[in-house]
Amino acid sequence: MTASNPALAVYNNALHLVHREGIDPRIAVEVEALTPGLLRSRLNDAIETLVDDVRQWNIQSRTEEAERKPLRSLQGAVKKRRRV
């Protein structure tokens, strides 16, 4: 049956992996199917539930975002330069 339905084979494999890792299949998601922004958001939400000092977490999060901005600008400039 799986040979005629590749999607079912993929699903069954994912279900096997989820069970093997002890993850609840009702909440498991295939991370490759999520956009990086959504994945980052879900990860941040999950981490925040475990953080004792939310204020410090928020400070570090804003600092990391500020550090990423120049890197994005640099990445954009390099891409633009490579096209020229």
Protein backbone atom coordinates (compact mmCIF):
# COMPACT_ATOMS: atom_id res chain seq x y z
CA MET A 1 0.00 0.00 0.00
CA THR A 2 2.83 2.46 0.75
CA ALA A 3 4.35 1.90 -2.69
CA SER A 4 1.22 3.30 -4.33
CA ASN A 5 0.98 6.20 -1.87
CA PRO A 6 4.34 7.90 -1.21
CA ALA A 7 2.72 10.46 1.11
CA LEU A 8 1.52 7.66 3.36
CA ALA A 9 5.02 6.17 3.45
CA VAL A 10 6.46 9.55 4.46
CA TYR A 11 3.77 9.98 7.12
CA ASN A 12 4.36 6.49 8.52
CA ASN A 13 8.10 7.12 8.69
CA ALA A 14 7.55 10.43 10.48
CA LEU A 15 5.13 8.76 12.89
CA HIS A 16 7.69 6.05 13.63
CA LEU A 17 10.37 8.68 14.37
CA VAL A 18 8.03 10.65 16.60
CA HIS A 19 7.14 7.57 18.62
CA ARG A 20 10.81 6.55 18.81
CA GLU A 21 11.71 9.93 20.29
CA GLY A 22 8.80 9.84 22.74
CA ILE A 23 7.08 12.89 21.23
CA ASP A 24 3.32 13.28 21.25
CA PRO A 25 2.30 12.86 17.59
CA ARG A 26 -0.59 15.32 18.07
CA ILE A 27 1.86 18.18 18.66
CA ALA A 28 4.81 17.07 16.50
CA VAL A 29 5.61 19.03 13.38
CA GLU A 30 8.08 18.52 10.57
CA VAL A 31 10.41 21.47 11.02
CA GLU A 32 11.34 21.59 7.35
CA ALA A 33 7.70 22.41 6.63
CA LEU A 34 7.84 25.59 8.75
CA THR A 35 9.23 28.91 7.63
CA PRO A 36 12.36 29.97 9.52
CA GLY A 37 10.45 32.86 11.14
CA LEU A 38 7.63 30.62 12.34
CA LEU A 39 10.08 28.01 13.58
CA ARG A 40 12.07 30.67 15.45
CA SER A 41 8.85 32.07 16.95
CA ARG A 42 7.67 28.66 18.15
CA LEU A 43 11.09 27.89 19.56
CA ASN A 44 11.19 31.22 21.40
CA ASP A 45 7.71 30.58 22.82
CA ALA A 46 8.73 27.12 24.03
CA ILE A 47 11.93 28.46 25.59
CA GLU A 48 10.10 31.32 27.31
CA THR A 49 7.93 28.83 29.17
CA LEU A 50 11.13 27.39 30.67
CA VAL A 51 12.87 30.68 31.45
CA ASP A 52 12.94 31.85 35.05
CA ASP A 53 13.88 35.47 34.36
CA VAL A 54 11.65 36.64 31.50
CA ARG A 55 12.96 40.22 31.72
CA GLN A 56 16.56 39.07 31.18
CA TRP A 57 15.42 36.77 28.37
CA ASN A 58 13.71 39.70 26.62
CA ILE A 59 16.84 41.85 26.96
CA GLN A 60 19.00 39.13 25.43
CA SER A 61 16.45 38.53 22.69
CA ARG A 62 16.44 42.22 21.71
CA THR A 63 20.24 42.29 21.79
CA GLU A 64 20.45 39.28 19.48
CA GLU A 65 17.97 40.86 17.08
CA ALA A 66 20.01 44.10 17.05
CA GLU A 67 23.14 42.05 16.29
CA ARG A 68 21.39 40.28 13.40
CA LYS A 69 20.34 43.52 11.66
CA PRO A 70 23.82 44.51 10.46
CA LEU A 71 24.45 40.93 9.37
CA ARG A 72 21.31 41.02 7.23
CA SER A 73 22.43 44.33 5.72
CA LEU A 74 25.84 42.88 4.96
CA GLN A 75 24.27 39.79 3.43
CA GLY A 76 22.08 42.00 1.22
CA ALA A 77 25.05 44.09 0.13
CA VAL A 78 27.06 40.99 -0.76
CA LYS A 79 24.18 39.56 -2.79
CA LYS A 80 23.76 42.87 -4.60
CA ARG A 81 27.49 43.08 -5.29
CA ARG A 82 27.58 39.54 -6.67
CA ARG A 83 24.82 40.40 -9.17
CA VAL A 84 26.80 43.36 -10.55
